[in-house]
Amino acid sequence: MAVVEDVRKVLQDFLAPELRSIDARLDGLEKRVERMDSEMKDNHRQIMQRFDLLLNLKSMEERLTRVEQKLPQ
């Protein structure tokens, strides 16, 4: 049994720090992805607001064109 325990100890001594390191790196990546996701959502919201503004401007332009066409020349 000493061999099994020795192998187990060696694996634990090697794997435990490596696993903690990997876990820490994964946590960092997860936070980075969450931050990027948040930024992308903000960018999408801003783009949609600008798109809505352009649609409103286009609509106003069309209404003005119709009014101009009805005005006597």
C-alpha atoms as a PDB file:
ATOM      1  CA  MET A   1       0.000   0.000   0.000  1.00  0.00           C
ATOM      2  CA  ALA A   2       2.929   2.328   0.470  1.00  0.00           C
ATOM      3  CA  VAL A   3       3.433   2.538  -3.287  1.00  0.00           C
ATOM      4  CA  VAL A   4      -0.208   3.534  -3.844  1.00  0.00           C
ATOM      5  CA  GLU A   5       0.008   6.162  -1.134  1.00  0.00           C
ATOM      6  CA  ASP A   6       3.296   7.472  -2.525  1.00  0.00           C
ATOM      7  CA  VAL A   7       1.820   7.734  -6.026  1.00  0.00           C
ATOM      8  CA  ARG A   8      -1.282   9.419  -4.624  1.00  0.00           C
ATOM      9  CA  LYS A   9       0.834  11.934  -2.695  1.00  0.00           C
ATOM     10  CA  VAL A  10       2.993  12.688  -5.733  1.00  0.00           C
ATOM     11  CA  LEU A  11      -0.101  13.211  -7.874  1.00  0.00           C
ATOM     12  CA  GLN A  12      -1.715  15.431  -5.245  1.00  0.00           C
ATOM     13  CA  ASP A  13       1.466  17.431  -4.765  1.00  0.00           C
ATOM     14  CA  PHE A  14       1.710  17.992  -8.517  1.00  0.00           C
ATOM     15  CA  LEU A  15      -1.950  18.221  -9.520  1.00  0.00           C
ATOM     16  CA  ALA A  16      -3.387  20.314  -6.703  1.00  0.00           C
ATOM     17  CA  PRO A  17      -1.308  23.447  -7.436  1.00  0.00           C
ATOM     18  CA  GLU A  18      -1.799  22.966 -11.177  1.00  0.00           C
ATOM     19  CA  LEU A  19      -5.548  22.647 -10.754  1.00  0.00           C
ATOM     20  CA  ARG A  20      -5.672  25.765  -8.585  1.00  0.00           C
ATOM     21  CA  SER A  21      -3.679  27.631 -11.210  1.00  0.00           C
ATOM     22  CA  ILE A  22      -5.990  26.463 -13.984  1.00  0.00           C
ATOM     23  CA  ASP A  23      -9.025  27.379 -11.888  1.00  0.00           C
ATOM     24  CA  ALA A  24      -7.654  30.883 -11.282  1.00  0.00           C
ATOM     25  CA  ARG A  25      -6.983  31.355 -15.005  1.00  0.00           C
ATOM     26  CA  LEU A  26     -10.471  30.133 -15.870  1.00  0.00           C
ATOM     27  CA  ASP A  27     -11.961  32.574 -13.362  1.00  0.00           C
ATOM     28  CA  GLY A  28     -10.014  35.377 -15.003  1.00  0.00           C
ATOM     29  CA  LEU A  29     -11.195  34.335 -18.455  1.00  0.00           C
ATOM     30  CA  GLU A  30     -14.782  34.099 -17.266  1.00  0.00           C
ATOM     31  CA  LYS A  31     -14.654  37.643 -15.881  1.00  0.00           C
ATOM     32  CA  ARG A  32     -13.104  38.874 -19.109  1.00  0.00           C
ATOM     33  CA  VAL A  33     -15.811  37.197 -21.201  1.00  0.00           C
ATOM     34  CA  GLU A  34     -18.522  38.669 -18.968  1.00  0.00           C
ATOM     35  CA  ARG A  35     -16.982  42.126 -19.352  1.00  0.00           C
ATOM     36  CA  MET A  36     -16.776  41.714 -23.138  1.00  0.00           C
ATOM     37  CA  ASP A  37     -20.385  40.487 -23.220  1.00  0.00           C
ATOM     38  CA  SER A  38     -21.486  43.538 -21.279  1.00  0.00           C
ATOM     39  CA  GLU A  39     -19.573  45.837 -23.636  1.00  0.00           C
ATOM     40  CA  MET A  40     -21.095  44.124 -26.669  1.00  0.00           C
ATOM     41  CA  LYS A  41     -24.590  44.539 -25.230  1.00  0.00           C
ATOM     42  CA  ASP A  42     -23.904  48.233 -24.604  1.00  0.00           C
ATOM     43  CA  ASN A  43     -22.608  48.643 -28.150  1.00  0.00           C
ATOM     44  CA  HIS A  44     -25.644  46.836 -29.544  1.00  0.00           C
ATOM     45  CA  ARG A  45     -27.970  49.083 -27.548  1.00  0.00           C
ATOM     46  CA  GLN A  46     -26.197  52.197 -28.845  1.00  0.00           C
ATOM     47  CA  ILE A  47     -26.338  50.954 -32.426  1.00  0.00           C
ATOM     48  CA  MET A  48     -30.047  50.206 -32.113  1.00  0.00           C
ATOM     49  CA  GLN A  49     -30.672  53.692 -30.702  1.00  0.00           C
ATOM     50  CA  ARG A  50     -28.848  55.233 -33.663  1.00  0.00           C
ATOM     51  CA  PHE A  51     -30.773  53.020 -36.059  1.00  0.00           C
ATOM     52  CA  ASP A  52     -34.058  54.136 -34.472  1.00  0.00           C
ATOM     53  CA  LEU A  53     -32.959  57.748 -34.814  1.00  0.00           C
ATOM     54  CA  LEU A  54     -32.171  57.223 -38.498  1.00  0.00           C
ATOM     55  CA  LEU A  55     -35.561  55.612 -39.052  1.00  0.00           C
ATOM     56  CA  ASN A  56     -37.257  58.557 -37.362  1.00  0.00           C
ATOM     57  CA  LEU A  57     -35.271  61.000 -39.481  1.00  0.00           C
ATOM     58  CA  LYS A  58     -36.203  59.095 -42.639  1.00  0.00           C
ATOM     59  CA  SER A  59     -39.851  59.148 -41.623  1.00  0.00           C
ATOM     60  CA  MET A  60     -39.694  62.880 -40.956  1.00  0.00           C
ATOM     61  CA  GLU A  61     -38.011  63.444 -44.314  1.00  0.00           C
ATOM     62  CA  GLU A  62     -40.783  61.536 -46.082  1.00  0.00           C
ATOM     63  CA  ARG A  63     -43.456  63.556 -44.301  1.00  0.00           C
ATOM     64  CA  LEU A  64     -41.739  66.809 -45.206  1.00  0.00           C
ATOM     65  CA  THR A  65     -41.535  65.704 -48.838  1.00  0.00           C
ATOM     66  CA  ARG A  66     -45.275  64.990 -48.870  1.00  0.00           C
ATOM     67  CA  VAL A  67     -46.022  68.370 -47.317  1.00  0.00           C
ATOM     68  CA  GLU A  68     -43.782  70.103 -49.868  1.00  0.00           C
ATOM     69  CA  GLN A  69     -45.571  68.349 -52.695  1.00  0.00           C
ATOM     70  CA  LYS A  70     -48.927  69.589 -51.412  1.00  0.00           C
ATOM     71  CA  LEU A  71     -47.770  73.207 -51.143  1.00  0.00           C
ATOM     72  CA  PRO A  72     -48.635  75.447 -54.055  1.00  0.00           C
ATOM     73  CA  GLN A  73     -45.685  76.303 -56.216  1.00  0.00           C
END
